[in-house]
Amino acid sequence: MKNNNKKTLTRSDLVNALTAEFRVTKFIASEIVEDVLDEISSALMQDESVKITGFGTFSVRQKKERMGRNPKTLKDAVITSRKSISFKASPILKKIINEKS
């Protein structure tokens, strides 16, 4: 699946790639993409990690409340605690990326 020098891969790009690779209808390809993204989202909402072998791991991290600074006013402000999603690329993906650059 080539990205033709675009900087963003979209859902539509994924649907088109599935349609071309597996010769399924756009409707079926769209359903597949949505189902995969829904499964990943559901797992993350339940604080589960999502590991895709050869690609990487998505996980939820709890960030603590901390002090920060408003960049416009330069006044100190409290940054509330929140959850954040992190991604750690697999060694295989890192190697592929480094070989391509």
PDB file of N, CA and C in Angstrom:
ATOM      1  N   MET A   1       0.849  -1.166   0.000  1.00  0.00           N
ATOM      2  CA  MET A   1       0.000   0.000   0.000  1.00  0.00           C
ATOM      3  C   MET A   1       0.896   1.230   0.000  1.00  0.00           C
ATOM      4  N   LYS A   2       0.898   1.971  -1.082  1.00  0.00           N
ATOM      5  CA  LYS A   2       1.697   3.178  -1.192  1.00  0.00           C
ATOM      6  C   LYS A   2       0.870   4.373  -0.790  1.00  0.00           C
ATOM      7  N   ASN A   3       1.552   5.361  -0.215  1.00  0.00           N
ATOM      8  CA  ASN A   3       0.857   6.544   0.265  1.00  0.00           C
ATOM      9  C   ASN A   3       1.054   7.738  -0.665  1.00  0.00           C
ATOM     10  N   ASN A   4       1.720   7.553  -1.785  1.00  0.00           N
ATOM     11  CA  ASN A   4       1.910   8.596  -2.801  1.00  0.00           C
ATOM     12  C   ASN A   4       2.329   9.953  -2.238  1.00  0.00           C
ATOM     13  N   ASN A   5       3.314   9.957  -1.356  1.00  0.00           N
ATOM     14  CA  ASN A   5       3.897  11.170  -0.781  1.00  0.00           C
ATOM     15  C   ASN A   5       2.928  11.999   0.050  1.00  0.00           C
ATOM     16  N   LYS A   6       1.769  11.468   0.395  1.00  0.00           N
ATOM     17  CA  LYS A   6       0.871  12.162   1.316  1.00  0.00           C
ATOM     18  C   LYS A   6       1.468  12.061   2.699  1.00  0.00           C
ATOM     19  N   LYS A   7       1.087  12.995   3.549  1.00  0.00           N
ATOM     20  CA  LYS A   7       1.605  12.955   4.906  1.00  0.00           C
ATOM     21  C   LYS A   7       0.628  12.313   5.881  1.00  0.00           C
ATOM     22  N   THR A   8      -0.598  12.051   5.442  1.00  0.00           N
ATOM     23  CA  THR A   8      -1.604  11.458   6.314  1.00  0.00           C
ATOM     24  C   THR A   8      -2.291  10.299   5.602  1.00  0.00           C
ATOM     25  N   LEU A   9      -2.369   9.181   6.287  1.00  0.00           N
ATOM     26  CA  LEU A   9      -3.102   8.028   5.785  1.00  0.00           C
ATOM     27  C   LEU A   9      -4.497   8.093   6.393  1.00  0.00           C
ATOM     28  N   THR A  10      -5.523   8.122   5.576  1.00  0.00           N
ATOM     29  CA  THR A  10      -6.896   8.276   6.054  1.00  0.00           C
ATOM     30  C   THR A  10      -7.651   6.951   6.036  1.00  0.00           C
ATOM     31  N   ARG A  11      -8.839   6.953   6.640  1.00  0.00           N
ATOM     32  CA  ARG A  11      -9.701   5.778   6.589  1.00  0.00           C
ATOM     33  C   ARG A  11     -10.010   5.418   5.142  1.00  0.00           C
ATOM     34  N   SER A  12     -10.251   6.442   4.354  1.00  0.00           N
ATOM     35  CA  SER A  12     -10.553   6.226   2.941  1.00  0.00           C
ATOM     36  C   SER A  12      -9.393   5.530   2.231  1.00  0.00           C
ATOM     37  N   ASP A  13      -8.168   5.919   2.559  1.00  0.00           N
ATOM     38  CA  ASP A  13      -6.993   5.261   1.981  1.00  0.00           C
ATOM     39  C   ASP A  13      -6.955   3.776   2.366  1.00  0.00           C
ATOM     40  N   LEU A  14      -7.281   3.489   3.621  1.00  0.00           N
ATOM     41  CA  LEU A  14      -7.302   2.099   4.073  1.00  0.00           C
ATOM     42  C   LEU A  14      -8.377   1.302   3.341  1.00  0.00           C
ATOM     43  N   VAL A  15      -9.557   1.909   3.191  1.00  0.00           N
ATOM     44  CA  VAL A  15     -10.649   1.248   2.465  1.00  0.00           C
ATOM     45  C   VAL A  15     -10.233   0.970   1.028  1.00  0.00           C
ATOM     46  N   ASN A  16      -9.641   1.955   0.373  1.00  0.00           N
ATOM     47  CA  ASN A  16      -9.197   1.777  -1.011  1.00  0.00           C
ATOM     48  C   ASN A  16      -8.132   0.689  -1.134  1.00  0.00           C
ATOM     49  N   ALA A  17      -7.229   0.630  -0.169  1.00  0.00           N
ATOM     50  CA  ALA A  17      -6.182  -0.395  -0.192  1.00  0.00           C
ATOM     51  C   ALA A  17      -6.784  -1.790  -0.028  1.00  0.00           C
ATOM     52  N   LEU A  18      -7.749  -1.934   0.888  1.00  0.00           N
ATOM     53  CA  LEU A  18      -8.405  -3.237   1.069  1.00  0.00           C
ATOM     54  C   LEU A  18      -9.183  -3.633  -0.180  1.00  0.00           C
ATOM     55  N   THR A  19      -9.855  -2.655  -0.769  1.00  0.00           N
ATOM     56  CA  THR A  19     -10.625  -2.913  -1.983  1.00  0.00           C
ATOM     57  C   THR A  19      -9.715  -3.417  -3.103  1.00  0.00           C
ATOM     58  N   ALA A  20      -8.573  -2.788  -3.266  1.00  0.00           N
ATOM     59  CA  ALA A  20      -7.642  -3.167  -4.328  1.00  0.00           C
ATOM     60  C   ALA A  20      -6.949  -4.501  -4.034  1.00  0.00           C
ATOM     61  N   GLU A  21      -6.534  -4.694  -2.799  1.00  0.00           N
ATOM     62  CA  GLU A  21      -5.758  -5.887  -2.444  1.00  0.00           C
ATOM     63  C   GLU A  21      -6.605  -7.153  -2.409  1.00  0.00           C
ATOM     64  N   PHE A  22      -7.804  -7.045  -1.860  1.00  0.00           N
ATOM     65  CA  PHE A  22      -8.615  -8.241  -1.657  1.00  0.00           C
ATOM     66  C   PHE A  22      -9.848  -8.307  -2.549  1.00  0.00           C
ATOM     67  N   ARG A  23      -9.991  -7.318  -3.407  1.00  0.00           N
ATOM     68  CA  ARG A  23     -11.104  -7.274  -4.364  1.00  0.00           C
ATOM     69  C   ARG A  23     -12.459  -7.461  -3.692  1.00  0.00           C
ATOM     70  N   VAL A  24     -12.657  -6.688  -2.642  1.00  0.00           N
ATOM     71  CA  VAL A  24     -13.954  -6.645  -1.974  1.00  0.00           C
ATOM     72  C   VAL A  24     -14.596  -5.306  -2.301  1.00  0.00           C
ATOM     73  N   THR A  25     -15.873  -5.188  -2.045  1.00  0.00           N
ATOM     74  CA  THR A  25     -16.551  -3.911  -2.302  1.00  0.00           C
ATOM     75  C   THR A  25     -16.090  -2.862  -1.296  1.00  0.00           C
ATOM     76  N   LYS A  26     -16.285  -1.615  -1.653  1.00  0.00           N
ATOM     77  CA  LYS A  26     -15.923  -0.532  -0.730  1.00  0.00           C
ATOM     78  C   LYS A  26     -16.743  -0.626   0.548  1.00  0.00           C
ATOM     79  N   PHE A  27     -17.986  -1.077   0.428  1.00  0.00           N
ATOM     80  CA  PHE A  27     -18.830  -1.231   1.613  1.00  0.00           C
ATOM     81  C   PHE A  27     -18.220  -2.240   2.579  1.00  0.00           C
ATOM     82  N   ILE A  28     -17.832  -3.402   2.058  1.00  0.00           N
ATOM     83  CA  ILE A  28     -17.218  -4.447   2.897  1.00  0.00           C
ATOM     84  C   ILE A  28     -15.903  -3.948   3.486  1.00  0.00           C
ATOM     85  N   ALA A  29     -15.069  -3.322   2.670  1.00  0.00           N
ATOM     86  CA  ALA A  29     -13.776  -2.805   3.141  1.00  0.00           C
ATOM     87  C   ALA A  29     -13.991  -1.758   4.239  1.00  0.00           C
ATOM     88  N   SER A  30     -14.988  -0.911   4.060  1.00  0.00           N
ATOM     89  CA  SER A  30     -15.297   0.114   5.056  1.00  0.00           C
ATOM     90  C   SER A  30     -15.741  -0.531   6.370  1.00  0.00           C
ATOM     91  N   GLU A  31     -16.555  -1.566   6.279  1.00  0.00           N
ATOM     92  CA  GLU A  31     -17.000  -2.292   7.475  1.00  0.00           C
ATOM     93  C   GLU A  31     -15.809  -2.913   8.209  1.00  0.00           C
ATOM     94  N   ILE A  32     -14.878  -3.476   7.460  1.00  0.00           N
ATOM     95  CA  ILE A  32     -13.686  -4.085   8.065  1.00  0.00           C
ATOM     96  C   ILE A  32     -12.869  -3.032   8.811  1.00  0.00           C
ATOM     97  N   VAL A  33     -12.600  -1.907   8.155  1.00  0.00           N
ATOM     98  CA  VAL A  33     -11.818  -0.835   8.781  1.00  0.00           C
ATOM     99  C   VAL A  33     -12.519  -0.352  10.044  1.00  0.00           C
ATOM    100  N   GLU A  34     -13.815  -0.096   9.962  1.00  0.00           N
ATOM    101  CA  GLU A  34     -14.570   0.381  11.131  1.00  0.00           C
ATOM    102  C   GLU A  34     -14.553  -0.643  12.257  1.00  0.00           C
ATOM    103  N   ASP A  35     -14.720  -1.926  11.944  1.00  0.00           N
ATOM    104  CA  ASP A  35     -14.705  -2.972  12.965  1.00  0.00           C
ATOM    105  C   ASP A  35     -13.355  -3.051  13.672  1.00  0.00           C
ATOM    106  N   VAL A  36     -12.274  -2.972  12.910  1.00  0.00           N
ATOM    107  CA  VAL A  36     -10.934  -3.022  13.512  1.00  0.00           C
ATOM    108  C   VAL A  36     -10.719  -1.816  14.429  1.00  0.00           C
ATOM    109  N   LEU A  37     -11.069  -0.631  13.949  1.00  0.00           N
ATOM    110  CA  LEU A  37     -10.894   0.572  14.763  1.00  0.00           C
ATOM    111  C   LEU A  37     -11.790   0.541  16.001  1.00  0.00           C
ATOM    112  N   ASP A  38     -13.005   0.018  15.874  1.00  0.00           N
ATOM    113  CA  ASP A  38     -13.894  -0.110  17.030  1.00  0.00           C
ATOM    114  C   ASP A  38     -13.321  -1.059  18.075  1.00  0.00           C
ATOM    115  N   GLU A  39     -12.736  -2.171  17.633  1.00  0.00           N
ATOM    116  CA  GLU A  39     -12.134  -3.130  18.563  1.00  0.00           C
ATOM    117  C   GLU A  39     -10.958  -2.500  19.313  1.00  0.00           C
ATOM    118  N   ILE A  40     -10.117  -1.776  18.585  1.00  0.00           N
ATOM    119  CA  ILE A  40      -8.971  -1.108  19.217  1.00  0.00           C
ATOM    120  C   ILE A  40      -9.472  -0.070  20.221  1.00  0.00           C
ATOM    121  N   SER A  41     -10.432   0.742  19.810  1.00  0.00           N
ATOM    122  CA  SER A  41     -10.978   1.777  20.692  1.00  0.00           C
ATOM    123  C   SER A  41     -11.609   1.178  21.940  1.00  0.00           C
ATOM    124  N   SER A  42     -12.392   0.110  21.774  1.00  0.00           N
ATOM    125  CA  SER A  42     -13.054  -0.538  22.912  1.00  0.00           C
ATOM    126  C   SER A  42     -12.041  -1.060  23.919  1.00  0.00           C
ATOM    127  N   ALA A  43     -10.997  -1.686  23.426  1.00  0.00           N
ATOM    128  CA  ALA A  43      -9.968  -2.212  24.319  1.00  0.00           C
ATOM    129  C   ALA A  43      -9.288  -1.082  25.084  1.00  0.00           C
ATOM    130  N   LEU A  44      -8.960  -0.003  24.400  1.00  0.00           N
ATOM    131  CA  LEU A  44      -8.297   1.121  25.064  1.00  0.00           C
ATOM    132  C   LEU A  44      -9.216   1.781  26.094  1.00  0.00           C
ATOM    133  N   MET A  45     -10.521   1.861  25.794  1.00  0.00           N
ATOM    134  CA  MET A  45     -11.472   2.436  26.754  1.00  0.00           C
ATOM    135  C   MET A  45     -11.573   1.599  28.021  1.00  0.00           C
ATOM    136  N   GLN A  46     -11.238   0.321  27.926  1.00  0.00           N
ATOM    137  CA  GLN A  46     -11.253  -0.565  29.095  1.00  0.00           C
ATOM    138  C   GLN A  46      -9.857  -0.674  29.724  1.00  0.00           C
ATOM    139  N   ASP A  47      -8.979   0.265  29.379  1.00  0.00           N
ATOM    140  CA  ASP A  47      -7.605   0.320  29.891  1.00  0.00           C
ATOM    141  C   ASP A  47      -6.783  -0.921  29.534  1.00  0.00           C
ATOM    142  N   GLU A  48      -7.128  -1.573  28.427  1.00  0.00           N
ATOM    143  CA  GLU A  48      -6.356  -2.709  27.940  1.00  0.00           C
ATOM    144  C   GLU A  48      -5.338  -2.222  26.922  1.00  0.00           C
ATOM    145  N   SER A  49      -4.232  -2.923  26.819  1.00  0.00           N
ATOM    146  CA  SER A  49      -3.243  -2.634  25.782  1.00  0.00           C
ATOM    147  C   SER A  49      -3.642  -3.370  24.512  1.00  0.00           C
ATOM    148  N   VAL A  50      -3.247  -2.815  23.375  1.00  0.00           N
ATOM    149  CA  VAL A  50      -3.513  -3.450  22.089  1.00  0.00           C
ATOM    150  C   VAL A  50      -2.175  -3.683  21.420  1.00  0.00           C
ATOM    151  N   LYS A  51      -1.804  -4.963  21.273  1.00  0.00           N
ATOM    152  CA  LYS A  51      -0.524  -5.304  20.664  1.00  0.00           C
ATOM    153  C   LYS A  51      -0.778  -5.881  19.282  1.00  0.00           C
ATOM    154  N   ILE A  52      -0.177  -5.257  18.282  1.00  0.00           N
ATOM    155  CA  ILE A  52      -0.264  -5.744  16.909  1.00  0.00           C
ATOM    156  C   ILE A  52       1.149  -6.194  16.536  1.00  0.00           C
ATOM    157  N   THR A  53       1.339  -7.490  16.497  1.00  0.00           N
ATOM    158  CA  THR A  53       2.659  -8.060  16.269  1.00  0.00           C
ATOM    159  C   THR A  53       3.270  -7.515  14.984  1.00  0.00           C
ATOM    160  N   GLY A  54       4.514  -7.097  15.072  1.00  0.00           N
ATOM    161  CA  GLY A  54       5.225  -6.566  13.916  1.00  0.00           C
ATOM    162  C   GLY A  54       4.941  -5.094  13.668  1.00  0.00           C
ATOM    163  N   PHE A  55       4.017  -4.512  14.434  1.00  0.00           N
ATOM    164  CA  PHE A  55       3.662  -3.101  14.258  1.00  0.00           C
ATOM    165  C   PHE A  55       3.940  -2.309  15.528  1.00  0.00           C
ATOM    166  N   GLY A  56       3.271  -2.665  16.622  1.00  0.00           N
ATOM    167  CA  GLY A  56       3.506  -1.963  17.865  1.00  0.00           C
ATOM    168  C   GLY A  56       2.403  -2.185  18.874  1.00  0.00           C
ATOM    169  N   THR A  57       2.493  -1.446  19.990  1.00  0.00           N
ATOM    170  CA  THR A  57       1.550  -1.583  21.090  1.00  0.00           C
ATOM    171  C   THR A  57       0.960  -0.230  21.455  1.00  0.00           C
ATOM    172  N   PHE A  58      -0.371  -0.187  21.515  1.00  0.00           N
ATOM    173  CA  PHE A  58      -1.080   0.985  22.009  1.00  0.00           C
ATOM    174  C   PHE A  58      -1.431   0.711  23.463  1.00  0.00           C
ATOM    175  N   SER A  59      -1.240   1.691  24.340  1.00  0.00           N
ATOM    176  CA  SER A  59      -1.614   1.505  25.736  1.00  0.00           C
ATOM    177  C   SER A  59      -2.114   2.819  26.319  1.00  0.00           C
ATOM    178  N   VAL A  60      -2.888   2.689  27.397  1.00  0.00           N
ATOM    179  CA  VAL A  60      -3.444   3.855  28.082  1.00  0.00           C
ATOM    180  C   VAL A  60      -2.550   4.154  29.276  1.00  0.00           C
ATOM    181  N   ARG A  61      -2.200   5.422  29.434  1.00  0.00           N
ATOM    182  CA  ARG A  61      -1.374   5.848  30.556  1.00  0.00           C
ATOM    183  C   ARG A  61      -2.140   6.886  31.351  1.00  0.00           C
ATOM    184  N   GLN A  62      -2.023   6.815  32.653  1.00  0.00           N
ATOM    185  CA  GLN A  62      -2.658   7.796  33.531  1.00  0.00           C
ATOM    186  C   GLN A  62      -1.620   8.862  33.864  1.00  0.00           C
ATOM    187  N   LYS A  63      -1.909  10.091  33.486  1.00  0.00           N
ATOM    188  CA  LYS A  63      -1.001  11.189  33.807  1.00  0.00           C
ATOM    189  C   LYS A  63      -1.490  11.866  35.078  1.00  0.00           C
ATOM    190  N   LYS A  64      -0.579  12.212  35.956  1.00  0.00           N
ATOM    191  CA  LYS A  64      -0.922  12.840  37.223  1.00  0.00           C
ATOM    192  C   LYS A  64      -1.168  14.333  37.032  1.00  0.00           C
ATOM    193  N   GLU A  65      -1.881  14.914  37.993  1.00  0.00           N
ATOM    194  CA  GLU A  65      -2.064  16.361  38.012  1.00  0.00           C
ATOM    195  C   GLU A  65      -0.700  17.006  38.233  1.00  0.00           C
ATOM    196  N   ARG A  66      -0.472  18.132  37.552  1.00  0.00           N
ATOM    197  CA  ARG A  66       0.823  18.797  37.707  1.00  0.00           C
ATOM    198  C   ARG A  66       0.683  20.290  37.425  1.00  0.00           C
ATOM    199  N   MET A  67       1.696  21.015  37.764  1.00  0.00           N
ATOM    200  CA  MET A  67       1.706  22.450  37.498  1.00  0.00           C
ATOM    201  C   MET A  67       2.275  22.703  36.107  1.00  0.00           C
ATOM    202  N   GLY A  68       1.676  23.654  35.435  1.00  0.00           N
ATOM    203  CA  GLY A  68       2.152  24.049  34.125  1.00  0.00           C
ATOM    204  C   GLY A  68       2.058  25.557  34.004  1.00  0.00           C
ATOM    205  N   ARG A  69       2.228  26.055  32.805  1.00  0.00           N
ATOM    206  CA  ARG A  69       2.170  27.499  32.598  1.00  0.00           C
ATOM    207  C   ARG A  69       1.393  27.788  31.324  1.00  0.00           C
ATOM    208  N   ASN A  70       0.475  28.746  31.412  1.00  0.00           N
ATOM    209  CA  ASN A  70      -0.267  29.185  30.240  1.00  0.00           C
ATOM    210  C   ASN A  70       0.717  29.940  29.348  1.00  0.00           C
ATOM    211  N   PRO A  71       0.948  29.479  28.123  1.00  0.00           N
ATOM    212  CA  PRO A  71       1.951  30.132  27.278  1.00  0.00           C
ATOM    213  C   PRO A  71       1.575  31.557  26.853  1.00  0.00           C
ATOM    214  N   LYS A  72       0.283  31.867  26.833  1.00  0.00           N
ATOM    215  CA  LYS A  72      -0.130  33.233  26.458  1.00  0.00           C
ATOM    216  C   LYS A  72       0.072  34.224  27.598  1.00  0.00           C
ATOM    217  N   THR A  73      -0.384  33.830  28.786  1.00  0.00           N
ATOM    218  CA  THR A  73      -0.336  34.762  29.922  1.00  0.00           C
ATOM    219  C   THR A  73       0.884  34.563  30.808  1.00  0.00           C
ATOM    220  N   LEU A  74       1.560  33.439  30.628  1.00  0.00           N
ATOM    221  CA  LEU A  74       2.713  33.041  31.444  1.00  0.00           C
ATOM    222  C   LEU A  74       2.354  32.831  32.913  1.00  0.00           C
ATOM    223  N   LYS A  75       1.050  32.703  33.211  1.00  0.00           N
ATOM    224  CA  LYS A  75       0.617  32.444  34.580  1.00  0.00           C
ATOM    225  C   LYS A  75       0.637  30.940  34.833  1.00  0.00           C
ATOM    226  N   ASP A  76       0.983  30.585  36.085  1.00  0.00           N
ATOM    227  CA  ASP A  76       0.968  29.180  36.468  1.00  0.00           C
ATOM    228  C   ASP A  76      -0.460  28.659  36.428  1.00  0.00           C
ATOM    229  N   ALA A  77      -0.605  27.410  36.045  1.00  0.00           N
ATOM    230  CA  ALA A  77      -1.923  26.793  35.985  1.00  0.00           C
ATOM    231  C   ALA A  77      -1.802  25.313  36.316  1.00  0.00           C
ATOM    232  N   VAL A  78      -2.852  24.775  36.899  1.00  0.00           N
ATOM    233  CA  VAL A  78      -2.873  23.357  37.219  1.00  0.00           C
ATOM    234  C   VAL A  78      -3.339  22.591  35.982  1.00  0.00           C
ATOM    235  N   ILE A  79      -2.572  21.583  35.595  1.00  0.00           N
ATOM    236  CA  ILE A  79      -2.966  20.682  34.510  1.00  0.00           C
ATOM    237  C   ILE A  79      -3.568  19.463  35.192  1.00  0.00           C
ATOM    238  N   THR A  80      -4.858  19.238  34.953  1.00  0.00           N
ATOM    239  CA  THR A  80      -5.553  18.163  35.637  1.00  0.00           C
ATOM    240  C   THR A  80      -5.053  16.795  35.188  1.00  0.00           C
ATOM    241  N   SER A  81      -5.295  15.795  36.040  1.00  0.00           N
ATOM    242  CA  SER A  81      -4.899  14.438  35.678  1.00  0.00           C
ATOM    243  C   SER A  81      -5.789  13.965  34.537  1.00  0.00           C
ATOM    244  N   ARG A  82      -5.245  13.100  33.713  1.00  0.00           N
ATOM    245  CA  ARG A  82      -6.000  12.607  32.567  1.00  0.00           C
ATOM    246  C   ARG A  82      -5.354  11.332  32.052  1.00  0.00           C
ATOM    247  N   LYS A  83      -6.121  10.650  31.214  1.00  0.00           N
ATOM    248  CA  LYS A  83      -5.590   9.478  30.543  1.00  0.00           C
ATOM    249  C   LYS A  83      -5.067   9.890  29.178  1.00  0.00           C
ATOM    250  N   SER A  84      -4.044   9.210  28.745  1.00  0.00           N
ATOM    251  CA  SER A  84      -3.464   9.500  27.442  1.00  0.00           C
ATOM    252  C   SER A  84      -3.115   8.171  26.780  1.00  0.00           C
ATOM    253  N   ILE A  85      -3.126   8.166  25.470  1.00  0.00           N
ATOM    254  CA  ILE A  85      -2.803   6.950  24.724  1.00  0.00           C
ATOM    255  C   ILE A  85      -1.373   7.058  24.222  1.00  0.00           C
ATOM    256  N   SER A  86      -0.616   6.014  24.438  1.00  0.00           N
ATOM    257  CA  SER A  86       0.753   6.005  23.926  1.00  0.00           C
ATOM    258  C   SER A  86       0.905   4.854  22.931  1.00  0.00           C
ATOM    259  N   PHE A  87       1.860   5.018  22.058  1.00  0.00           N
ATOM    260  CA  PHE A  87       2.160   3.988  21.063  1.00  0.00           C
ATOM    261  C   PHE A  87       3.641   3.701  21.115  1.00  0.00           C
ATOM    262  N   LYS A  88       3.979   2.436  21.193  1.00  0.00           N
ATOM    263  CA  LYS A  88       5.383   2.024  21.150  1.00  0.00           C
ATOM    264  C   LYS A  88       5.553   1.121  19.938  1.00  0.00           C
ATOM    265  N   ALA A  89       6.355   1.576  19.003  1.00  0.00           N
ATOM    266  CA  ALA A  89       6.596   0.806  17.781  1.00  0.00           C
ATOM    267  C   ALA A  89       7.387  -0.456  18.095  1.00  0.00           C
ATOM    268  N   SER A  90       7.089  -1.514  17.356  1.00  0.00           N
ATOM    269  CA  SER A  90       7.822  -2.771  17.534  1.00  0.00           C
ATOM    270  C   SER A  90       9.222  -2.622  16.929  1.00  0.00           C
ATOM    271  N   PRO A  91      10.154  -3.451  17.365  1.00  0.00           N
ATOM    272  CA  PRO A  91      11.492  -3.418  16.764  1.00  0.00           C
ATOM    273  C   PRO A  91      11.458  -3.647  15.252  1.00  0.00           C
ATOM    274  N   ILE A  92      10.530  -4.481  14.790  1.00  0.00           N
ATOM    275  CA  ILE A  92      10.410  -4.753  13.349  1.00  0.00           C
ATOM    276  C   ILE A  92      10.035  -3.476  12.606  1.00  0.00           C
ATOM    277  N   LEU A  93       9.035  -2.742  13.111  1.00  0.00           N
ATOM    278  CA  LEU A  93       8.608  -1.493  12.473  1.00  0.00           C
ATOM    279  C   LEU A  93       9.731  -0.454  12.514  1.00  0.00           C
ATOM    280  N   LYS A  94      10.405  -0.355  13.650  1.00  0.00           N
ATOM    281  CA  LYS A  94      11.524   0.589  13.764  1.00  0.00           C
ATOM    282  C   LYS A  94      12.603   0.290  12.727  1.00  0.00           C
ATOM    283  N   LYS A  95      12.901  -0.990  12.572  1.00  0.00           N
ATOM    284  CA  LYS A  95      13.930  -1.383  11.607  1.00  0.00           C
ATOM    285  C   LYS A  95      13.505  -1.021  10.184  1.00  0.00           C
ATOM    286  N   ILE A  96      12.246  -1.304   9.832  1.00  0.00           N
ATOM    287  CA  ILE A  96      11.734  -0.975   8.490  1.00  0.00           C
ATOM    288  C   ILE A  96      11.824   0.520   8.233  1.00  0.00           C
ATOM    289  N   ILE A  97      11.405   1.321   9.203  1.00  0.00           N
ATOM    290  CA  ILE A  97      11.416   2.775   9.055  1.00  0.00           C
ATOM    291  C   ILE A  97      12.837   3.292   8.896  1.00  0.00           C
ATOM    292  N   ASN A  98      13.749   2.766   9.704  1.00  0.00           N
ATOM    293  CA  ASN A  98      15.135   3.232   9.627  1.00  0.00           C
ATOM    294  C   ASN A  98      15.819   2.803   8.341  1.00  0.00           C
ATOM    295  N   GLU A  99      15.427   1.678   7.775  1.00  0.00           N
ATOM    296  CA  GLU A  99      16.011   1.244   6.495  1.00  0.00           C
ATOM    297  C   GLU A  99      15.500   2.082   5.330  1.00  0.00           C
ATOM    298  N   LYS A 100      14.282   2.608   5.436  1.00  0.00           N
ATOM    299  CA  LYS A 100      13.678   3.388   4.359  1.00  0.00           C
ATOM    300  C   LYS A 100      14.175   4.831   4.338  1.00  0.00           C
ATOM    301  N   SER A 101      14.732   5.312   5.440  1.00  0.00           N
ATOM    302  CA  SER A 101      15.154   6.725   5.475  1.00  0.00           C
ATOM    303  C   SER A 101      16.578   6.947   5.091  1.00  0.00           C
TER     304      SER A 101
END
